[in-house]
Structure formats: C-alpha cells, structure tokens
Amino acid sequence: MSDTTPAVATAPAVAAPSTAQKLTAEVLGTFILVFGVIGTAIFAAGFAGGEGGLNVGFLGVALALGLSVLVAAYAFGPISGGHFNPAVTLGLAVAGRFGWKEAFPYIAAQLVGAVLGSTLLLLIVANGPTGYDSAVFQGASTGYDELSPGGYGVVSAFLAETFTTAVFLFVILGVTSAGRSAASFAPLAIGLTLTVLALIAIPITNASFNPARSIATAIYGGTEALGQVWLSIVAPILGAVIGGFIFKAVFDRAAKLSA
C-alpha cells in the first residue's frame, strides 16, 4: 500500500550569518552611507566647496542621508543589524542590545567602509574638471565656527551633535524593540528620523551623528577639518551612550516590571 499522505513543505533552514558576513555587511552599508551623503554634498549641493553643484541644498543632503541609511538597512540589516555608525554600535551595547565583544570589530569595519566611500569620491573629484581641492571635502566636513554653515560655535555644535544622536538612538531602540509588530518598517522610521535630524543639524554642524562619516570626510578636508573632527567623534558617542542608558533604565526596566 502506498502512502497517500501529502508531503508538508518546509522552508529550508537559514544559517545564521557568520562574523565575516556581518563585518562585510557593515563595510558595505557604511560605504553606501558615506558615498551617498558626502557625494550629494560635494556634487549636488551648492554649499560644499562654496559654489557649484545642482543646489539641492540642505534638504537634498538631508534626504540623501536618510535614503542612504534606509536602503543600506534594508539591504544589510538582516545580516549585521545595520549599524553603519560607531555611535550606534556603542549605544546599542550600552543599552544591552549588542555584545561588547562584537562592538569593536564592527567599529573597525564601519571605519573601513567610510574611508572607502570617501576615497572613491576623492578619486572622482581628482579626475574631474578642477582636480582635487581640500576645500571640497572641507565644505562637506562637520564642525563649528568656520566649518559650520551657519557660523555656530563649539558649544552649539557640541549640544546639537550630542542630543540629536541621543534622539536617534531612542528611535532605533524603540522601533527595534521585541514584540513590535511593524519591525519590517524599522529602517523606514530610522531613515526618516535621520532626515529630520539632519535638517536641524546641517546648518549648525553639517550633521554628523556618525564618527566614521566624519573621520572619512575630514582626512581629505585639510587641517581645519582634521582639527575639528574630535567634536564629531566625541559628541555623537556621548549622545548615543546617553540615549542607550536612558532607554535601558526607563523603558526596558518598565517592560520587565510589567512582565
């Protein structure tokens, strides 16, 4: 007698991403972010370098940042979690969402991806009609005083970078919390949040929120950009740590108490 029981189709098991795959995803995602936002600032926004461009302005650069993170998160988020930012990695570790042992390899991968993105832009600029000029990258670098599009000083710049990054971490932690029914829309919420925050911060600092993006731009932006890059490293990391600590202390504690 033959068995007439219909076979039950089962989805093939998917192996968890390896460490190498995760780090490669962070390299590629950060590359996309830097290439997208700094490329827009250099080639399409009139304020980068002081002239030229297609004048998409602050709004165009803010959208480029949000969209770059959005597409990178959808493409590589399922592999690595889609950090693409040392401040995000450290903030997630502080919040207990990411292991400290993995944090520093992630940060190294993000720096590699960011520098690859800015180096490719350097090669394009250097072979363009005017050749390489550090002022082009200085105009897209983050900072204060001379590097601030609005002429804001160091205190304003530090406050803006710190607390916009803290807000960014609040959103990331909120939309990726366990039990969220719309988790697939998390990259959209994160990308839109970055766009809004960039609209606030671009006139003040040129909008960093990301030490890797700032370092990758500053290395080709001359002594002024390199001299101010400390702020774009310290302030976003401080903001991310603040955001991660507050979220863990307030919301994760409340969730455990109600369980």
C-alpha atoms as a PDB file:
ATOM      1  CA  MET A   1       0.000   0.000   0.000  1.00  0.00           C
ATOM      2  CA  SER A   2       1.388   3.361  -0.998  1.00  0.00           C
ATOM      3  CA  ASP A   3       1.473   6.254   1.406  1.00  0.00           C
ATOM      4  CA  THR A   4      -1.011   8.891   0.192  1.00  0.00           C
ATOM      5  CA  THR A   5      -0.291  11.383   2.996  1.00  0.00           C
ATOM      6  CA  PRO A   6       0.583  14.689   1.331  1.00  0.00           C
ATOM      7  CA  ALA A   7       4.074  15.944   1.967  1.00  0.00           C
ATOM      8  CA  VAL A   8       4.312  19.082   4.086  1.00  0.00           C
ATOM      9  CA  ALA A   9       6.515  21.702   2.503  1.00  0.00           C
ATOM     10  CA  THR A  10       9.036  23.137   4.917  1.00  0.00           C
ATOM     11  CA  ALA A  11      11.223  26.153   4.386  1.00  0.00           C
ATOM     12  CA  PRO A  12      14.910  25.351   4.244  1.00  0.00           C
ATOM     13  CA  ALA A  13      16.836  26.263   7.371  1.00  0.00           C
ATOM     14  CA  VAL A  14      18.780  29.500   7.013  1.00  0.00           C
ATOM     15  CA  ALA A  15      22.168  29.567   8.667  1.00  0.00           C
ATOM     16  CA  ALA A  16      22.955  32.490  10.918  1.00  0.00           C
ATOM     17  CA  PRO A  17      25.337  34.987   9.303  1.00  0.00           C
ATOM     18  CA  SER A  18      28.979  34.406  10.095  1.00  0.00           C
ATOM     19  CA  THR A  19      31.164  37.058  11.698  1.00  0.00           C
ATOM     20  CA  ALA A  20      32.841  37.696   8.348  1.00  0.00           C
ATOM     21  CA  GLN A  21      29.468  38.232   6.679  1.00  0.00           C
ATOM     22  CA  LYS A  22      28.355  40.628   9.404  1.00  0.00           C
ATOM     23  CA  LEU A  23      31.537  42.685   9.168  1.00  0.00           C
ATOM     24  CA  THR A  24      31.356  42.744   5.368  1.00  0.00           C
ATOM     25  CA  ALA A  25      27.757  43.965   5.609  1.00  0.00           C
ATOM     26  CA  GLU A  26      28.883  46.778   7.928  1.00  0.00           C
ATOM     27  CA  VAL A  27      31.646  47.751   5.497  1.00  0.00           C
ATOM     28  CA  LEU A  28      29.243  47.857   2.543  1.00  0.00           C
ATOM     29  CA  GLY A  29      26.451  49.608   4.415  1.00  0.00           C
ATOM     30  CA  THR A  30      28.756  52.330   5.750  1.00  0.00           C
ATOM     31  CA  PHE A  31      30.278  52.705   2.288  1.00  0.00           C
ATOM     32  CA  ILE A  32      26.806  53.342   0.834  1.00  0.00           C
ATOM     33  CA  LEU A  33      26.011  55.856   3.571  1.00  0.00           C
ATOM     34  CA  VAL A  34      29.201  57.899   3.096  1.00  0.00           C
ATOM     35  CA  PHE A  35      29.192  57.680  -0.683  1.00  0.00           C
ATOM     36  CA  GLY A  36      25.549  58.769  -0.786  1.00  0.00           C
ATOM     37  CA  VAL A  37      25.520  61.653   1.651  1.00  0.00           C
ATOM     38  CA  ILE A  38      29.007  63.088   1.029  1.00  0.00           C
ATOM     39  CA  GLY A  39      28.658  62.578  -2.715  1.00  0.00           C
ATOM     40  CA  THR A  40      25.442  64.597  -2.630  1.00  0.00           C
ATOM     41  CA  ALA A  41      27.093  67.309  -0.535  1.00  0.00           C
ATOM     42  CA  ILE A  42      30.057  67.562  -2.912  1.00  0.00           C
ATOM     43  CA  PHE A  43      28.420  67.229  -6.320  1.00  0.00           C
ATOM     44  CA  ALA A  44      24.829  68.342  -5.908  1.00  0.00           C
ATOM     45  CA  ALA A  45      24.706  70.851  -3.047  1.00  0.00           C
ATOM     46  CA  GLY A  46      25.993  74.338  -3.686  1.00  0.00           C
ATOM     47  CA  PHE A  47      27.310  74.829  -0.158  1.00  0.00           C
ATOM     48  CA  ALA A  48      30.005  72.155  -0.420  1.00  0.00           C
ATOM     49  CA  GLY A  49      33.175  73.933  -1.517  1.00  0.00           C
ATOM     50  CA  GLY A  50      31.307  77.225  -1.602  1.00  0.00           C
ATOM     51  CA  GLU A  51      29.962  77.125  -5.146  1.00  0.00           C
ATOM     52  CA  GLY A  52      28.764  74.946  -7.983  1.00  0.00           C
ATOM     53  CA  GLY A  53      26.618  71.884  -7.585  1.00  0.00           C
ATOM     54  CA  LEU A  54      22.987  71.435  -8.528  1.00  0.00           C
ATOM     55  CA  ASN A  55      21.899  73.318  -5.416  1.00  0.00           C
ATOM     56  CA  VAL A  56      19.798  70.621  -3.848  1.00  0.00           C
ATOM     57  CA  GLY A  57      20.730  72.431  -0.664  1.00  0.00           C
ATOM     58  CA  PHE A  58      20.295  71.274   2.905  1.00  0.00           C
ATOM     59  CA  LEU A  59      17.060  69.437   2.131  1.00  0.00           C
ATOM     60  CA  GLY A  60      18.726  67.387  -0.587  1.00  0.00           C
ATOM     61  CA  VAL A  61      21.625  66.381   1.653  1.00  0.00           C
ATOM     62  CA  ALA A  62      19.243  65.501   4.494  1.00  0.00           C
ATOM     63  CA  LEU A  63      17.234  63.298   2.142  1.00  0.00           C
ATOM     64  CA  ALA A  64      20.420  61.703   0.830  1.00  0.00           C
ATOM     65  CA  LEU A  65      21.412  60.788   4.379  1.00  0.00           C
ATOM     66  CA  GLY A  66      18.024  59.326   5.238  1.00  0.00           C
ATOM     67  CA  LEU A  67      17.689  57.425   1.967  1.00  0.00           C
ATOM     68  CA  SER A  68      21.245  56.056   2.095  1.00  0.00           C
ATOM     69  CA  VAL A  69      20.656  54.638   5.559  1.00  0.00           C
ATOM     70  CA  LEU A  70      17.230  53.360   4.518  1.00  0.00           C
ATOM     71  CA  VAL A  71      18.477  51.355   1.536  1.00  0.00           C
ATOM     72  CA  ALA A  72      21.574  50.109   3.374  1.00  0.00           C
ATOM     73  CA  ALA A  73      19.449  48.973   6.324  1.00  0.00           C
ATOM     74  CA  TYR A  74      17.041  47.052   4.096  1.00  0.00           C
ATOM     75  CA  ALA A  75      19.928  45.502   2.151  1.00  0.00           C
ATOM     76  CA  PHE A  76      22.262  44.571   5.006  1.00  0.00           C
ATOM     77  CA  GLY A  77      20.265  44.978   8.214  1.00  0.00           C
ATOM     78  CA  PRO A  78      19.133  41.319   8.228  1.00  0.00           C
ATOM     79  CA  ILE A  79      22.805  40.281   8.126  1.00  0.00           C
ATOM     80  CA  SER A  80      24.545  42.601  10.579  1.00  0.00           C
ATOM     81  CA  GLY A  81      21.760  44.552  12.261  1.00  0.00           C
ATOM     82  CA  GLY A  82      22.516  47.597  10.123  1.00  0.00           C
ATOM     83  CA  HIS A  83      24.544  49.797  12.458  1.00  0.00           C
ATOM     84  CA  PHE A  84      26.847  51.600   9.953  1.00  0.00           C
ATOM     85  CA  ASN A  85      27.849  54.008  12.711  1.00  0.00           C
ATOM     86  CA  PRO A  86      30.254  53.587  15.672  1.00  0.00           C
ATOM     87  CA  ALA A  87      27.997  55.719  17.879  1.00  0.00           C
ATOM     88  CA  VAL A  88      25.041  53.425  17.163  1.00  0.00           C
ATOM     89  CA  THR A  89      27.101  50.328  17.918  1.00  0.00           C
ATOM     90  CA  LEU A  90      28.256  51.735  21.264  1.00  0.00           C
ATOM     91  CA  GLY A  91      24.776  52.993  22.135  1.00  0.00           C
ATOM     92  CA  LEU A  92      23.272  49.574  21.459  1.00  0.00           C
ATOM     93  CA  ALA A  93      25.965  47.959  23.597  1.00  0.00           C
ATOM     94  CA  VAL A  94      25.208  50.346  26.481  1.00  0.00           C
ATOM     95  CA  ALA A  95      21.505  49.513  26.138  1.00  0.00           C
ATOM     96  CA  GLY A  96      22.268  45.805  26.357  1.00  0.00           C
ATOM     97  CA  ARG A  97      21.171  45.126  22.782  1.00  0.00           C
ATOM     98  CA  PHE A  98      24.617  44.283  21.418  1.00  0.00           C
ATOM     99  CA  GLY A  99      27.643  42.435  22.761  1.00  0.00           C
ATOM    100  CA  TRP A 100      30.704  44.439  23.751  1.00  0.00           C
ATOM    101  CA  LYS A 101      32.958  41.738  22.282  1.00  0.00           C
ATOM    102  CA  GLU A 102      31.467  42.381  18.825  1.00  0.00           C
ATOM    103  CA  ALA A 103      31.378  46.165  19.140  1.00  0.00           C
ATOM    104  CA  PHE A 104      34.968  46.970  18.294  1.00  0.00           C
ATOM    105  CA  PRO A 105      35.217  44.739  15.189  1.00  0.00           C
ATOM    106  CA  TYR A 106      32.007  46.412  13.996  1.00  0.00           C
ATOM    107  CA  ILE A 107      33.521  49.863  14.546  1.00  0.00           C
ATOM    108  CA  ALA A 108      36.648  48.861  12.617  1.00  0.00           C
ATOM    109  CA  ALA A 109      34.502  47.608   9.727  1.00  0.00           C
ATOM    110  CA  GLN A 110      32.490  50.841   9.715  1.00  0.00           C
ATOM    111  CA  LEU A 111      35.660  52.927   9.544  1.00  0.00           C
ATOM    112  CA  VAL A 112      36.916  50.847   6.619  1.00  0.00           C
ATOM    113  CA  GLY A 113      33.639  51.266   4.736  1.00  0.00           C
ATOM    114  CA  ALA A 114      33.520  55.003   5.406  1.00  0.00           C
ATOM    115  CA  VAL A 115      37.093  55.588   4.227  1.00  0.00           C
ATOM    116  CA  LEU A 116      36.457  53.505   1.109  1.00  0.00           C
ATOM    117  CA  GLY A 117      33.454  55.709   0.338  1.00  0.00           C
ATOM    118  CA  SER A 118      35.317  58.996   0.769  1.00  0.00           C
ATOM    119  CA  THR A 119      38.351  57.666  -1.116  1.00  0.00           C
ATOM    120  CA  LEU A 120      36.218  56.776  -4.120  1.00  0.00           C
ATOM    121  CA  LEU A 121      34.770  60.306  -4.013  1.00  0.00           C
ATOM    122  CA  LEU A 122      38.322  61.677  -3.814  1.00  0.00           C
ATOM    123  CA  LEU A 123      39.275  59.775  -6.971  1.00  0.00           C
ATOM    124  CA  ILE A 124      36.226  61.132  -8.793  1.00  0.00           C
ATOM    125  CA  VAL A 125      36.974  64.698  -7.681  1.00  0.00           C
ATOM    126  CA  ALA A 126      40.687  64.407  -8.501  1.00  0.00           C
ATOM    127  CA  ASN A 127      39.895  63.311 -12.058  1.00  0.00           C
ATOM    128  CA  GLY A 128      37.216  65.969 -12.533  1.00  0.00           C
ATOM    129  CA  PRO A 129      37.448  69.294 -14.342  1.00  0.00           C
ATOM    130  CA  THR A 130      39.084  71.197 -11.445  1.00  0.00           C
ATOM    131  CA  GLY A 131      41.073  68.421  -9.798  1.00  0.00           C
ATOM    132  CA  TYR A 132      41.414  67.746  -6.091  1.00  0.00           C
ATOM    133  CA  ASP A 133      40.965  70.628  -3.675  1.00  0.00           C
ATOM    134  CA  SER A 134      40.711  70.025   0.060  1.00  0.00           C
ATOM    135  CA  ALA A 135      38.102  72.812   0.224  1.00  0.00           C
ATOM    136  CA  VAL A 136      35.647  70.476  -1.495  1.00  0.00           C
ATOM    137  CA  PHE A 137      35.868  67.967   1.361  1.00  0.00           C
ATOM    138  CA  GLN A 138      36.181  70.698   3.959  1.00  0.00           C
ATOM    139  CA  GLY A 139      32.818  72.026   2.805  1.00  0.00           C
ATOM    140  CA  ALA A 140      31.278  68.611   3.499  1.00  0.00           C
ATOM    141  CA  SER A 141      33.089  68.093   6.812  1.00  0.00           C
ATOM    142  CA  THR A 142      31.414  68.513  10.172  1.00  0.00           C
ATOM    143  CA  GLY A 143      32.437  71.026  12.787  1.00  0.00           C
ATOM    144  CA  TYR A 144      31.964  74.508  14.203  1.00  0.00           C
ATOM    145  CA  ASP A 145      32.965  78.136  13.532  1.00  0.00           C
ATOM    146  CA  GLU A 146      34.491  78.041  10.019  1.00  0.00           C
ATOM    147  CA  LEU A 147      33.056  74.599   9.280  1.00  0.00           C
ATOM    148  CA  SER A 148      29.565  75.480  10.456  1.00  0.00           C
ATOM    149  CA  PRO A 149      27.336  76.601   7.559  1.00  0.00           C
ATOM    150  CA  GLY A 150      25.544  78.936   9.970  1.00  0.00           C
ATOM    151  CA  GLY A 151      28.664  80.070  11.827  1.00  0.00           C
ATOM    152  CA  TYR A 152      27.752  78.337  15.101  1.00  0.00           C
ATOM    153  CA  GLY A 153      30.400  77.952  17.801  1.00  0.00           C
ATOM    154  CA  VAL A 154      31.719  74.879  19.566  1.00  0.00           C
ATOM    155  CA  VAL A 155      29.134  74.838  22.380  1.00  0.00           C
ATOM    156  CA  SER A 156      26.171  74.967  19.979  1.00  0.00           C
ATOM    157  CA  ALA A 157      27.771  72.326  17.767  1.00  0.00           C
ATOM    158  CA  PHE A 158      28.506  70.007  20.690  1.00  0.00           C
ATOM    159  CA  LEU A 159      24.973  70.279  22.059  1.00  0.00           C
ATOM    160  CA  ALA A 160      23.418  69.725  18.626  1.00  0.00           C
ATOM    161  CA  GLU A 161      25.507  66.644  17.832  1.00  0.00           C
ATOM    162  CA  THR A 162      25.072  65.131  21.290  1.00  0.00           C
ATOM    163  CA  PHE A 163      21.318  65.415  21.616  1.00  0.00           C
ATOM    164  CA  THR A 164      20.355  64.717  18.008  1.00  0.00           C
ATOM    165  CA  THR A 165      22.335  61.475  18.269  1.00  0.00           C
ATOM    166  CA  ALA A 166      20.601  60.654  21.571  1.00  0.00           C
ATOM    167  CA  VAL A 167      17.222  61.121  19.870  1.00  0.00           C
ATOM    168  CA  PHE A 168      18.416  58.921  17.008  1.00  0.00           C
ATOM    169  CA  LEU A 169      19.275  56.133  19.479  1.00  0.00           C
ATOM    170  CA  PHE A 170      15.881  56.462  21.180  1.00  0.00           C
ATOM    171  CA  VAL A 171      14.191  55.857  17.842  1.00  0.00           C
ATOM    172  CA  ILE A 172      16.433  52.927  16.887  1.00  0.00           C
ATOM    173  CA  LEU A 173      15.879  51.216  20.230  1.00  0.00           C
ATOM    174  CA  GLY A 174      12.160  51.914  20.155  1.00  0.00           C
ATOM    175  CA  VAL A 175      11.412  50.626  16.651  1.00  0.00           C
ATOM    176  CA  THR A 176      13.578  47.522  17.089  1.00  0.00           C
ATOM    177  CA  SER A 177      12.187  46.525  20.490  1.00  0.00           C
ATOM    178  CA  ALA A 178      10.978  42.953  20.904  1.00  0.00           C
ATOM    179  CA  GLY A 179       7.303  42.493  20.173  1.00  0.00           C
ATOM    180  CA  ARG A 180       6.997  45.302  17.646  1.00  0.00           C
ATOM    181  CA  SER A 181       4.538  44.113  15.001  1.00  0.00           C
ATOM    182  CA  ALA A 182       5.878  46.508  12.374  1.00  0.00           C
ATOM    183  CA  ALA A 183       9.572  45.653  12.729  1.00  0.00           C
ATOM    184  CA  SER A 184       9.914  45.430   8.938  1.00  0.00           C
ATOM    185  CA  PHE A 185       9.255  49.167   8.799  1.00  0.00           C
ATOM    186  CA  ALA A 186      12.072  49.962  11.251  1.00  0.00           C
ATOM    187  CA  PRO A 187      14.535  51.062   8.512  1.00  0.00           C
ATOM    188  CA  LEU A 188      11.912  53.478   7.179  1.00  0.00           C
ATOM    189  CA  ALA A 189      11.404  55.047  10.609  1.00  0.00           C
ATOM    190  CA  ILE A 190      15.156  55.257  11.148  1.00  0.00           C
ATOM    191  CA  GLY A 191      15.799  56.829   7.735  1.00  0.00           C
ATOM    192  CA  LEU A 192      13.053  59.413   8.171  1.00  0.00           C
ATOM    193  CA  THR A 193      14.328  60.268  11.649  1.00  0.00           C
ATOM    194  CA  LEU A 194      17.806  60.873  10.257  1.00  0.00           C
ATOM    195  CA  THR A 195      16.349  63.158   7.599  1.00  0.00           C
ATOM    196  CA  VAL A 196      14.555  65.290  10.193  1.00  0.00           C
ATOM    197  CA  LEU A 197      17.587  65.427  12.481  1.00  0.00           C
ATOM    198  CA  ALA A 198      19.827  66.376   9.570  1.00  0.00           C
ATOM    199  CA  LEU A 199      17.540  69.286   8.705  1.00  0.00           C
ATOM    200  CA  ILE A 200      18.095  70.543  12.251  1.00  0.00           C
ATOM    201  CA  ALA A 201      21.836  69.906  12.434  1.00  0.00           C
ATOM    202  CA  ILE A 202      23.151  70.692   8.931  1.00  0.00           C
ATOM    203  CA  PRO A 203      23.039  74.483   9.427  1.00  0.00           C
ATOM    204  CA  ILE A 204      24.821  74.038  12.776  1.00  0.00           C
ATOM    205  CA  THR A 205      27.466  71.346  12.188  1.00  0.00           C
ATOM    206  CA  ASN A 206      26.883  69.874   8.705  1.00  0.00           C
ATOM    207  CA  ALA A 207      25.214  66.973  10.566  1.00  0.00           C
ATOM    208  CA  SER A 208      27.419  64.100  11.643  1.00  0.00           C
ATOM    209  CA  PHE A 209      25.733  61.720  14.148  1.00  0.00           C
ATOM    210  CA  ASN A 210      28.398  59.336  12.880  1.00  0.00           C
ATOM    211  CA  PRO A 211      32.126  59.395  13.758  1.00  0.00           C
ATOM    212  CA  ALA A 212      33.009  57.138  10.819  1.00  0.00           C
ATOM    213  CA  ARG A 213      31.395  59.516   8.326  1.00  0.00           C
ATOM    214  CA  SER A 214      33.160  62.493   9.924  1.00  0.00           C
ATOM    215  CA  ILE A 215      36.603  60.879  10.017  1.00  0.00           C
ATOM    216  CA  ALA A 216      36.315  59.685   6.417  1.00  0.00           C
ATOM    217  CA  THR A 217      35.497  63.205   5.226  1.00  0.00           C
ATOM    218  CA  ALA A 218      37.983  65.048   7.428  1.00  0.00           C
ATOM    219  CA  ILE A 219      41.015  63.053   6.251  1.00  0.00           C
ATOM    220  CA  TYR A 220      40.665  64.722   2.850  1.00  0.00           C
ATOM    221  CA  GLY A 221      39.389  68.073   4.134  1.00  0.00           C
ATOM    222  CA  GLY A 222      42.655  69.660   5.240  1.00  0.00           C
ATOM    223  CA  THR A 223      43.974  70.790   8.611  1.00  0.00           C
ATOM    224  CA  GLU A 224      40.831  72.689   9.625  1.00  0.00           C
ATOM    225  CA  ALA A 225      38.612  69.649   9.184  1.00  0.00           C
ATOM    226  CA  LEU A 226      41.084  67.358  10.948  1.00  0.00           C
ATOM    227  CA  GLY A 227      41.440  69.825  13.804  1.00  0.00           C
ATOM    228  CA  GLN A 228      37.697  69.831  14.454  1.00  0.00           C
ATOM    229  CA  VAL A 229      36.902  66.168  13.884  1.00  0.00           C
ATOM    230  CA  TRP A 230      37.231  65.471  17.628  1.00  0.00           C
ATOM    231  CA  LEU A 231      33.801  67.023  18.198  1.00  0.00           C
ATOM    232  CA  SER A 232      32.199  64.798  15.590  1.00  0.00           C
ATOM    233  CA  ILE A 233      33.656  61.773  17.359  1.00  0.00           C
ATOM    234  CA  VAL A 234      33.056  62.673  20.994  1.00  0.00           C
ATOM    235  CA  ALA A 235      29.607  64.311  20.798  1.00  0.00           C
ATOM    236  CA  PRO A 236      27.795  61.547  18.816  1.00  0.00           C
ATOM    237  CA  ILE A 237      29.308  58.838  21.020  1.00  0.00           C
ATOM    238  CA  LEU A 238      28.271  60.735  24.161  1.00  0.00           C
ATOM    239  CA  GLY A 239      24.763  61.216  22.745  1.00  0.00           C
ATOM    240  CA  ALA A 240      24.464  57.545  21.845  1.00  0.00           C
ATOM    241  CA  VAL A 241      25.620  56.472  25.307  1.00  0.00           C
ATOM    242  CA  ILE A 242      23.100  58.848  26.903  1.00  0.00           C
ATOM    243  CA  GLY A 243      20.323  57.534  24.662  1.00  0.00           C
ATOM    244  CA  GLY A 244      21.209  53.894  25.282  1.00  0.00           C
ATOM    245  CA  PHE A 245      21.480  54.353  29.047  1.00  0.00           C
ATOM    246  CA  ILE A 246      18.193  56.257  29.409  1.00  0.00           C
ATOM    247  CA  PHE A 247      16.271  53.819  27.208  1.00  0.00           C
ATOM    248  CA  LYS A 248      17.569  50.815  29.144  1.00  0.00           C
ATOM    249  CA  ALA A 249      16.923  52.439  32.526  1.00  0.00           C
ATOM    250  CA  VAL A 250      13.424  53.717  31.744  1.00  0.00           C
ATOM    251  CA  PHE A 251      11.756  51.590  29.081  1.00  0.00           C
ATOM    252  CA  ASP A 252      13.461  48.219  29.448  1.00  0.00           C
ATOM    253  CA  ARG A 253      13.029  48.405  33.225  1.00  0.00           C
ATOM    254  CA  ALA A 254       9.349  49.293  32.821  1.00  0.00           C
ATOM    255  CA  ALA A 255       8.866  46.338  30.460  1.00  0.00           C
ATOM    256  CA  LYS A 256      10.453  43.930  32.982  1.00  0.00           C
ATOM    257  CA  LEU A 257       8.288  45.254  35.819  1.00  0.00           C
ATOM    258  CA  SER A 258       5.094  44.766  33.812  1.00  0.00           C
ATOM    259  CA  ALA A 259       6.057  41.243  32.733  1.00  0.00           C
END
